[in-house]
Protein backbone atom coordinates (compact mmCIF):
# COMPACT_ATOMS: atom_id res chain seq x y z
CA MET A 1 -164.09 -45.74 -14.15
CA GLU A 2 -167.15 -45.01 -15.57
CA LYS A 3 -169.66 -48.15 -16.08
CA ASN A 4 -171.00 -47.10 -19.69
CA TYR A 5 -170.14 -50.27 -21.46
CA THR A 6 -171.49 -53.74 -22.76
CA TYR A 7 -170.19 -57.04 -21.03
CA PRO A 8 -168.92 -59.47 -23.54
CA LEU A 9 -171.82 -61.99 -23.29
CA ASN A 10 -172.52 -64.90 -25.53
CA LEU A 11 -176.35 -64.43 -26.18
CA SER A 12 -176.53 -68.36 -26.54
CA TRP A 13 -176.06 -68.57 -22.68
CA SER A 14 -179.08 -69.38 -20.49
CA THR A 15 -180.22 -66.92 -17.89
CA GLU A 16 -178.42 -68.80 -15.36
CA GLU A 17 -175.23 -68.80 -17.27
CA ILE A 18 -175.47 -65.10 -17.88
CA SER A 19 -175.86 -64.24 -14.18
CA SER A 20 -172.93 -66.56 -12.96
CA VAL A 21 -170.65 -64.53 -15.80
CA LEU A 22 -172.08 -61.07 -14.55
CA SER A 23 -171.40 -61.87 -11.23
CA PHE A 24 -167.84 -62.84 -11.58
CA LEU A 25 -167.48 -59.75 -13.74
CA ASN A 26 -169.32 -57.98 -10.92
CA GLN A 27 -166.45 -59.10 -8.65
CA VAL A 28 -163.58 -58.25 -10.77
CA GLU A 29 -165.18 -54.83 -11.13
CA LYS A 30 -165.11 -54.60 -7.04
CA ALA A 31 -161.82 -55.68 -7.03
CA TYR A 32 -160.65 -52.65 -8.45
CA GLU A 33 -163.00 -50.09 -7.53
CA THR A 34 -163.83 -50.58 -3.82
CA GLY A 35 -162.02 -53.96 -2.92
CA VAL A 36 -163.43 -57.52 -2.81
CA ASP A 37 -163.06 -60.70 -0.47
CA ARG A 38 -160.88 -62.93 -2.12
CA GLN A 39 -163.12 -65.97 -1.53
CA LEU A 40 -165.97 -64.65 -3.09
CA LEU A 41 -164.09 -63.70 -6.44
CA LEU A 42 -162.74 -67.10 -6.32
CA ASP A 43 -166.27 -68.75 -5.82
CA ALA A 44 -167.72 -66.27 -8.35
CA TYR A 45 -164.75 -67.92 -10.99
CA THR A 46 -165.45 -71.38 -10.32
CA ALA A 47 -169.29 -70.64 -11.51
CA PHE A 48 -168.06 -68.39 -14.24
CA LYS A 49 -165.34 -71.48 -15.56
CA LYS A 50 -168.67 -73.60 -15.50
CA VAL A 51 -169.88 -71.38 -18.17
CA VAL A 52 -166.80 -70.67 -19.77
CA PRO A 53 -164.49 -73.52 -19.52
CA SER A 54 -162.66 -72.87 -22.43
CA LYS A 55 -159.03 -71.38 -21.43
CA GLY A 56 -159.29 -69.66 -24.87
CA GLU A 57 -162.64 -68.18 -24.39
CA GLU A 58 -161.57 -67.00 -20.97
CA ARG A 59 -158.54 -65.05 -22.44
CA GLN A 60 -160.65 -63.64 -25.20
CA MET A 61 -163.01 -62.78 -22.82
CA ASP A 62 -160.70 -60.99 -20.63
CA ARG A 63 -158.99 -59.37 -23.33
CA ASP A 64 -162.53 -57.65 -24.69
CA PHE A 65 -163.50 -57.01 -20.90
CA GLU A 66 -160.59 -55.25 -20.54
CA ARG A 67 -160.44 -53.44 -23.23
CA ILE A 68 -163.78 -52.08 -22.83
CA SER A 69 -163.75 -51.50 -18.67
CA GLY A 70 -159.75 -51.09 -18.34
CA TYR A 71 -160.09 -54.23 -15.56
CA SER A 72 -158.04 -57.22 -16.17
CA ILE A 73 -159.66 -60.80 -15.04
CA TYR A 74 -156.38 -62.22 -15.44
CA ARG A 75 -154.91 -59.59 -12.62
CA ALA A 76 -157.72 -59.50 -10.23
CA LEU A 77 -157.56 -63.56 -10.06
CA GLN A 78 -153.78 -63.70 -10.04
CA MET A 79 -154.17 -61.67 -6.72
CA ALA A 80 -156.47 -63.15 -5.55
CA LYS A 81 -154.82 -66.76 -5.78
CA GLU A 82 -151.52 -65.06 -4.54
CA ARG A 83 -153.18 -64.11 -1.07
CA GLU A 84 -154.09 -66.68 1.30
CA LYS A 85 -157.04 -64.63 2.82
CA GLY A 86 -158.63 -61.07 3.34
CA ARG A 87 -159.46 -58.68 0.70
CA ILE A 88 -157.86 -57.85 -2.54
CA LYS A 89 -157.79 -54.15 -4.27
CA LEU A 90 -156.14 -53.11 -7.73
CA GLY A 91 -155.91 -50.10 -9.30
CA ASN A 92 -155.52 -46.88 -7.43
């Protein structure tokens, strides 16, 4: 999928917080496009949860991100948690 979309970010976040969220979303994109080490995705998720601790806000971000990109945060994390080690790859 062509990456010609805007990320669902909160402009009240600090630069560091935005960087953490973008890093996580980039790992989700990699999980779909080329594959990603599951531990890198889970580590990025840990940093993401420090910025977005609310499950409701996380779900809303997942819906927004999937709507604009076609990539599901939930599905990527689900696969990463199911695997014990190695790389994950979703999509085609």
